[in-house]
């Protein structure tokens, strides 16, 4: 999977591509996708979720659920925002062994992160 280059991902015959939150383009919708090609994207708010839905992603990585940065949502806002989408939601941001049990309170299908696995 390649980030932010769907055309190259298709050319290299990869399984899919990742569309970051800052990418709000729709040019990839003109491409012909293989049946198992998967588009995933990330978002930080409801506006970006709507863009990802229009970009036809199958899963949305929503951040930040726990990490207190400029994109911080917290668990309640995360739940509210993710309830507005029918897409599969993956939690991001500040997930640790101490707070991972709180993900059961959300409709996220999983989580992703770097520090959790280090």
N, C-alpha and C. Protein backbone atom coordinates (compact mmCIF):
# COMPACT_ATOMS: atom_id res chain seq x y z
N UNK A 1 0.84 -1.17 0.00
CA UNK A 1 0.00 0.00 0.00
C UNK A 1 0.90 1.24 0.00
N UNK A 2 0.55 2.19 -0.82
CA UNK A 2 1.31 3.43 -0.94
C UNK A 2 0.44 4.59 -0.46
N UNK A 3 1.10 5.55 0.17
CA UNK A 3 0.40 6.73 0.67
C UNK A 3 0.32 7.82 -0.38
N UNK A 4 -0.88 8.30 -0.62
CA UNK A 4 -1.15 9.49 -1.43
C UNK A 4 -0.73 9.39 -2.89
N UNK A 5 -0.61 8.20 -3.43
CA UNK A 5 -0.30 8.05 -4.85
C UNK A 5 -1.04 6.82 -5.39
N UNK A 6 -2.30 7.01 -5.67
CA UNK A 6 -3.16 5.91 -6.09
C UNK A 6 -2.75 5.39 -7.46
N UNK A 7 -2.39 6.29 -8.34
CA UNK A 7 -1.99 5.90 -9.70
C UNK A 7 -0.77 4.97 -9.65
N UNK A 8 0.22 5.31 -8.84
CA UNK A 8 1.40 4.47 -8.71
C UNK A 8 1.05 3.13 -8.08
N UNK A 9 0.18 3.16 -7.09
CA UNK A 9 -0.26 1.93 -6.43
C UNK A 9 -0.91 0.98 -7.43
N UNK A 10 -1.72 1.53 -8.32
CA UNK A 10 -2.36 0.71 -9.37
C UNK A 10 -1.32 0.19 -10.36
N UNK A 11 -0.39 1.06 -10.74
CA UNK A 11 0.65 0.70 -11.71
C UNK A 11 1.53 -0.43 -11.18
N UNK A 12 1.81 -0.41 -9.86
CA UNK A 12 2.65 -1.43 -9.25
C UNK A 12 1.87 -2.68 -8.85
N UNK A 13 0.58 -2.67 -9.17
CA UNK A 13 -0.30 -3.81 -8.89
C UNK A 13 -0.36 -4.13 -7.39
N UNK A 14 -0.42 -3.07 -6.56
CA UNK A 14 -0.50 -3.25 -5.11
C UNK A 14 -1.95 -3.50 -4.69
N UNK A 15 -2.14 -3.84 -3.43
CA UNK A 15 -3.46 -4.17 -2.89
C UNK A 15 -4.33 -2.94 -2.66
N UNK A 16 -3.71 -1.77 -2.52
CA UNK A 16 -4.50 -0.59 -2.23
C UNK A 16 -3.65 0.65 -2.07
N UNK A 17 -4.30 1.70 -1.57
CA UNK A 17 -3.62 2.98 -1.36
C UNK A 17 -4.25 3.68 -0.16
N UNK A 18 -3.44 4.55 0.44
CA UNK A 18 -3.87 5.33 1.60
C UNK A 18 -4.00 6.79 1.18
N UNK A 19 -5.13 7.40 1.53
CA UNK A 19 -5.37 8.82 1.22
C UNK A 19 -5.34 9.60 2.54
N UNK A 20 -4.30 10.44 2.74
CA UNK A 20 -4.21 11.19 4.00
C UNK A 20 -5.32 12.23 4.14
N UNK A 21 -5.48 12.71 5.35
CA UNK A 21 -6.54 13.68 5.67
C UNK A 21 -6.43 14.95 4.83
N UNK A 22 -5.20 15.39 4.55
CA UNK A 22 -5.03 16.65 3.80
C UNK A 22 -5.38 16.53 2.32
N UNK A 23 -5.52 15.32 1.81
CA UNK A 23 -5.84 15.12 0.40
C UNK A 23 -7.37 15.12 0.23
N UNK A 24 -7.87 16.13 -0.44
CA UNK A 24 -9.33 16.21 -0.66
C UNK A 24 -9.68 16.13 -2.15
N UNK A 25 -8.78 15.56 -2.95
CA UNK A 25 -9.00 15.43 -4.39
C UNK A 25 -9.85 14.21 -4.72
N UNK A 26 -10.49 14.27 -5.88
CA UNK A 26 -11.37 13.19 -6.33
C UNK A 26 -10.95 12.61 -7.68
N UNK A 27 -9.77 12.97 -8.17
CA UNK A 27 -9.34 12.53 -9.50
C UNK A 27 -9.21 11.01 -9.60
N UNK A 28 -8.91 10.35 -8.48
CA UNK A 28 -8.74 8.89 -8.50
C UNK A 28 -10.04 8.16 -8.84
N UNK A 29 -11.18 8.82 -8.69
CA UNK A 29 -12.46 8.16 -8.98
C UNK A 29 -12.61 7.83 -10.47
N UNK A 30 -11.78 8.42 -11.30
CA UNK A 30 -11.82 8.13 -12.74
C UNK A 30 -11.00 6.87 -13.08
N UNK A 31 -10.20 6.40 -12.14
CA UNK A 31 -9.37 5.22 -12.39
C UNK A 31 -10.21 3.95 -12.33
N UNK A 32 -9.74 2.95 -13.04
CA UNK A 32 -10.39 1.63 -12.98
C UNK A 32 -9.65 0.80 -11.94
N UNK A 33 -10.38 0.35 -10.92
CA UNK A 33 -9.79 -0.41 -9.84
C UNK A 33 -10.02 -1.90 -10.03
N UNK A 34 -9.02 -2.69 -9.62
CA UNK A 34 -9.20 -4.14 -9.58
C UNK A 34 -10.20 -4.49 -8.48
N UNK A 35 -10.84 -5.63 -8.56
CA UNK A 35 -11.88 -5.99 -7.57
C UNK A 35 -11.42 -5.94 -6.12
N UNK A 36 -10.20 -6.35 -5.81
CA UNK A 36 -9.74 -6.41 -4.42
C UNK A 36 -8.91 -5.19 -4.01
N UNK A 37 -8.85 -4.17 -4.84
CA UNK A 37 -8.09 -2.97 -4.52
C UNK A 37 -8.81 -2.21 -3.40
N UNK A 38 -8.07 -1.81 -2.38
CA UNK A 38 -8.67 -1.19 -1.20
C UNK A 38 -8.12 0.22 -0.99
N UNK A 39 -9.04 1.16 -0.80
CA UNK A 39 -8.67 2.54 -0.46
C UNK A 39 -8.99 2.77 1.01
N UNK A 40 -8.00 3.29 1.73
CA UNK A 40 -8.24 3.69 3.11
C UNK A 40 -7.83 5.15 3.25
N UNK A 41 -8.38 5.83 4.25
CA UNK A 41 -8.05 7.24 4.43
C UNK A 41 -8.05 7.61 5.89
N UNK A 42 -7.57 8.81 6.16
CA UNK A 42 -7.57 9.30 7.54
C UNK A 42 -8.34 10.61 7.62
N UNK A 43 -8.83 10.88 8.83
CA UNK A 43 -9.61 12.10 9.07
C UNK A 43 -9.44 12.52 10.52
N UNK A 44 -9.70 13.81 10.77
CA UNK A 44 -9.59 14.34 12.12
C UNK A 44 -10.89 14.98 12.59
N UNK A 45 -11.85 15.12 11.68
CA UNK A 45 -13.12 15.77 12.03
C UNK A 45 -14.20 15.31 11.05
N UNK A 46 -15.42 15.76 11.29
CA UNK A 46 -16.55 15.31 10.47
C UNK A 46 -16.43 15.77 9.01
N UNK A 47 -15.93 16.97 8.79
CA UNK A 47 -15.76 17.46 7.42
C UNK A 47 -14.82 16.54 6.64
N UNK A 48 -13.71 16.15 7.25
CA UNK A 48 -12.76 15.26 6.58
C UNK A 48 -13.34 13.86 6.39
N UNK A 49 -14.18 13.41 7.33
CA UNK A 49 -14.86 12.12 7.15
C UNK A 49 -15.75 12.16 5.92
N UNK A 50 -16.49 13.23 5.75
CA UNK A 50 -17.37 13.36 4.58
C UNK A 50 -16.57 13.33 3.28
N UNK A 51 -15.41 13.97 3.28
CA UNK A 51 -14.55 13.95 2.10
C UNK A 51 -14.09 12.53 1.82
N UNK A 52 -13.66 11.81 2.85
CA UNK A 52 -13.20 10.43 2.67
C UNK A 52 -14.33 9.54 2.16
N UNK A 53 -15.54 9.77 2.63
CA UNK A 53 -16.68 8.99 2.13
C UNK A 53 -16.88 9.25 0.64
N UNK A 54 -16.78 10.51 0.22
CA UNK A 54 -16.93 10.84 -1.19
C UNK A 54 -15.77 10.31 -2.02
N UNK A 55 -14.60 10.14 -1.39
CA UNK A 55 -13.45 9.56 -2.08
C UNK A 55 -13.56 8.04 -2.17
N UNK A 56 -14.61 7.50 -1.60
CA UNK A 56 -14.93 6.08 -1.68
C UNK A 56 -13.91 5.18 -0.96
N UNK A 57 -13.44 5.62 0.21
CA UNK A 57 -12.55 4.75 1.00
C UNK A 57 -13.40 3.70 1.71
N UNK A 58 -12.78 2.58 2.04
CA UNK A 58 -13.52 1.54 2.74
C UNK A 58 -13.35 1.65 4.25
N UNK A 59 -12.25 2.23 4.70
CA UNK A 59 -11.99 2.42 6.12
C UNK A 59 -11.43 3.81 6.36
N UNK A 60 -11.75 4.37 7.54
CA UNK A 60 -11.26 5.69 7.90
C UNK A 60 -10.52 5.59 9.23
N UNK A 61 -9.27 6.04 9.22
CA UNK A 61 -8.47 6.13 10.43
C UNK A 61 -8.78 7.49 11.05
N UNK A 62 -9.40 7.49 12.22
CA UNK A 62 -9.85 8.72 12.87
C UNK A 62 -8.95 9.01 14.07
N UNK A 63 -8.38 10.22 14.09
CA UNK A 63 -7.49 10.58 15.19
C UNK A 63 -7.79 11.98 15.69
N UNK A 64 -7.40 12.29 16.80
CA UNK A 64 -6.68 11.51 17.78
C UNK A 64 -7.61 11.21 18.95
N UNK A 65 -7.72 9.96 19.29
CA UNK A 65 -8.68 9.57 20.33
C UNK A 65 -8.16 9.87 21.75
N UNK A 66 -6.89 9.64 22.01
CA UNK A 66 -6.36 9.85 23.36
C UNK A 66 -5.23 10.88 23.43
N UNK A 67 -4.43 10.97 22.39
CA UNK A 67 -3.26 11.84 22.41
C UNK A 67 -3.68 13.31 22.37
N UNK A 68 -3.25 14.07 23.35
CA UNK A 68 -3.63 15.48 23.44
C UNK A 68 -2.82 16.38 22.51
N UNK A 69 -3.14 16.35 21.24
CA UNK A 69 -2.48 17.24 20.27
C UNK A 69 -3.53 18.13 19.62
N UNK A 70 -3.16 18.81 18.56
CA UNK A 70 -4.11 19.74 17.92
C UNK A 70 -5.33 19.02 17.34
N UNK A 71 -5.22 17.73 17.08
CA UNK A 71 -6.33 16.94 16.53
C UNK A 71 -7.07 16.15 17.60
N UNK A 72 -6.80 16.43 18.87
CA UNK A 72 -7.37 15.66 19.97
C UNK A 72 -8.89 15.69 19.97
N UNK A 73 -9.50 14.52 20.01
CA UNK A 73 -10.95 14.39 20.05
C UNK A 73 -11.45 13.96 21.42
N UNK A 74 -10.74 13.06 22.05
CA UNK A 74 -11.24 12.45 23.28
C UNK A 74 -12.24 11.37 22.93
N UNK A 75 -12.55 10.53 23.88
CA UNK A 75 -13.40 9.37 23.59
C UNK A 75 -14.83 9.77 23.24
N UNK A 76 -15.40 10.75 23.91
CA UNK A 76 -16.80 11.13 23.64
C UNK A 76 -16.97 11.75 22.26
N UNK A 77 -16.12 12.70 21.92
CA UNK A 77 -16.21 13.34 20.61
C UNK A 77 -15.89 12.32 19.50
N UNK A 78 -14.93 11.43 19.77
CA UNK A 78 -14.60 10.36 18.83
C UNK A 78 -15.85 9.52 18.53
N UNK A 79 -16.56 9.12 19.60
CA UNK A 79 -17.77 8.32 19.43
C UNK A 79 -18.83 9.06 18.63
N UNK A 80 -19.04 10.32 18.95
CA UNK A 80 -20.07 11.11 18.26
C UNK A 80 -19.74 11.25 16.78
N UNK A 81 -18.51 11.63 16.49
CA UNK A 81 -18.11 11.84 15.10
C UNK A 81 -18.17 10.53 14.31
N UNK A 82 -17.68 9.45 14.90
CA UNK A 82 -17.67 8.18 14.16
C UNK A 82 -19.07 7.63 13.93
N UNK A 83 -20.02 7.99 14.78
CA UNK A 83 -21.41 7.54 14.59
C UNK A 83 -22.06 8.17 13.36
N UNK A 84 -21.49 9.24 12.85
CA UNK A 84 -22.04 9.90 11.67
C UNK A 84 -21.62 9.23 10.37
N UNK A 85 -20.83 8.20 10.44
CA UNK A 85 -20.36 7.52 9.23
C UNK A 85 -20.71 6.04 9.27
N UNK A 86 -21.04 5.52 8.10
CA UNK A 86 -21.29 4.09 7.95
C UNK A 86 -20.00 3.34 7.61
N UNK A 87 -18.92 4.07 7.36
CA UNK A 87 -17.64 3.45 7.03
C UNK A 87 -17.04 2.80 8.27
N UNK A 88 -16.14 1.85 8.05
CA UNK A 88 -15.42 1.23 9.15
C UNK A 88 -14.43 2.26 9.71
N UNK A 89 -14.40 2.38 11.03
CA UNK A 89 -13.55 3.36 11.70
C UNK A 89 -12.44 2.65 12.46
N UNK A 90 -11.21 3.15 12.30
CA UNK A 90 -10.04 2.64 13.02
C UNK A 90 -9.53 3.78 13.90
N UNK A 91 -9.32 3.50 15.18
CA UNK A 91 -8.87 4.52 16.14
C UNK A 91 -7.36 4.74 16.04
N UNK A 92 -6.96 6.00 16.17
CA UNK A 92 -5.55 6.39 16.16
C UNK A 92 -5.29 7.38 17.29
N UNK A 93 -4.07 7.42 17.74
CA UNK A 93 -3.63 8.50 18.60
C UNK A 93 -3.60 8.25 20.08
N UNK A 94 -2.42 7.98 20.62
CA UNK A 94 -2.23 7.86 22.06
C UNK A 94 -2.77 6.59 22.69
N UNK A 95 -2.96 5.57 21.92
CA UNK A 95 -3.50 4.31 22.45
C UNK A 95 -2.38 3.57 23.19
N UNK A 96 -2.67 3.17 24.41
CA UNK A 96 -1.69 2.47 25.24
C UNK A 96 -2.34 1.26 25.91
N UNK A 97 -1.53 0.49 26.60
CA UNK A 97 -2.07 -0.67 27.32
C UNK A 97 -3.02 -0.23 28.43
N UNK A 98 -2.84 0.99 28.94
CA UNK A 98 -3.69 1.50 30.02
C UNK A 98 -5.07 1.92 29.54
N UNK A 99 -5.18 2.36 28.27
CA UNK A 99 -6.48 2.88 27.81
C UNK A 99 -7.10 2.07 26.68
N UNK A 100 -6.46 1.02 26.23
CA UNK A 100 -6.97 0.25 25.09
C UNK A 100 -8.36 -0.33 25.38
N UNK A 101 -8.64 -0.66 26.63
CA UNK A 101 -9.96 -1.22 26.98
C UNK A 101 -11.09 -0.24 26.69
N UNK A 102 -10.79 1.07 26.66
CA UNK A 102 -11.82 2.08 26.38
C UNK A 102 -12.30 2.04 24.92
N UNK A 103 -11.53 1.41 24.04
CA UNK A 103 -11.95 1.31 22.64
C UNK A 103 -13.22 0.47 22.49
N UNK A 104 -13.51 -0.36 23.47
CA UNK A 104 -14.74 -1.15 23.45
C UNK A 104 -15.98 -0.26 23.52
N UNK A 105 -15.81 0.97 23.99
CA UNK A 105 -16.91 1.92 24.09
C UNK A 105 -17.23 2.57 22.74
N UNK A 106 -16.37 2.36 21.77
CA UNK A 106 -16.55 2.97 20.45
C UNK A 106 -16.96 1.92 19.44
N UNK A 107 -17.29 2.37 18.23
CA UNK A 107 -17.61 1.40 17.17
C UNK A 107 -16.40 1.13 16.28
N UNK A 108 -15.20 1.48 16.76
CA UNK A 108 -14.00 1.25 15.94
C UNK A 108 -13.78 -0.24 15.75
N UNK A 109 -13.32 -0.59 14.57
CA UNK A 109 -13.08 -2.00 14.25
C UNK A 109 -11.68 -2.43 14.67
N UNK A 110 -10.89 -1.46 15.11
CA UNK A 110 -9.53 -1.75 15.53
C UNK A 110 -8.79 -0.47 15.85
N UNK A 111 -7.49 -0.58 15.98
CA UNK A 111 -6.67 0.59 16.25
C UNK A 111 -5.34 0.46 15.54
N UNK A 112 -4.67 1.57 15.39
CA UNK A 112 -3.35 1.60 14.78
C UNK A 112 -2.50 2.59 15.54
N UNK A 113 -1.21 2.41 15.50
CA UNK A 113 -0.31 3.31 16.18
C UNK A 113 1.11 2.83 16.09
N UNK A 114 2.01 3.70 16.45
CA UNK A 114 3.43 3.36 16.42
C UNK A 114 3.91 3.08 17.83
N UNK A 115 3.64 4.00 18.75
CA UNK A 115 4.17 3.87 20.11
C UNK A 115 3.63 2.65 20.83
N UNK A 116 2.43 2.21 20.52
CA UNK A 116 1.85 1.03 21.17
C UNK A 116 2.68 -0.21 20.89
N UNK A 117 3.25 -0.29 19.71
CA UNK A 117 3.98 -1.49 19.29
C UNK A 117 5.49 -1.40 19.50
N UNK A 118 5.97 -0.27 20.00
CA UNK A 118 7.41 -0.12 20.23
C UNK A 118 7.84 -0.79 21.51
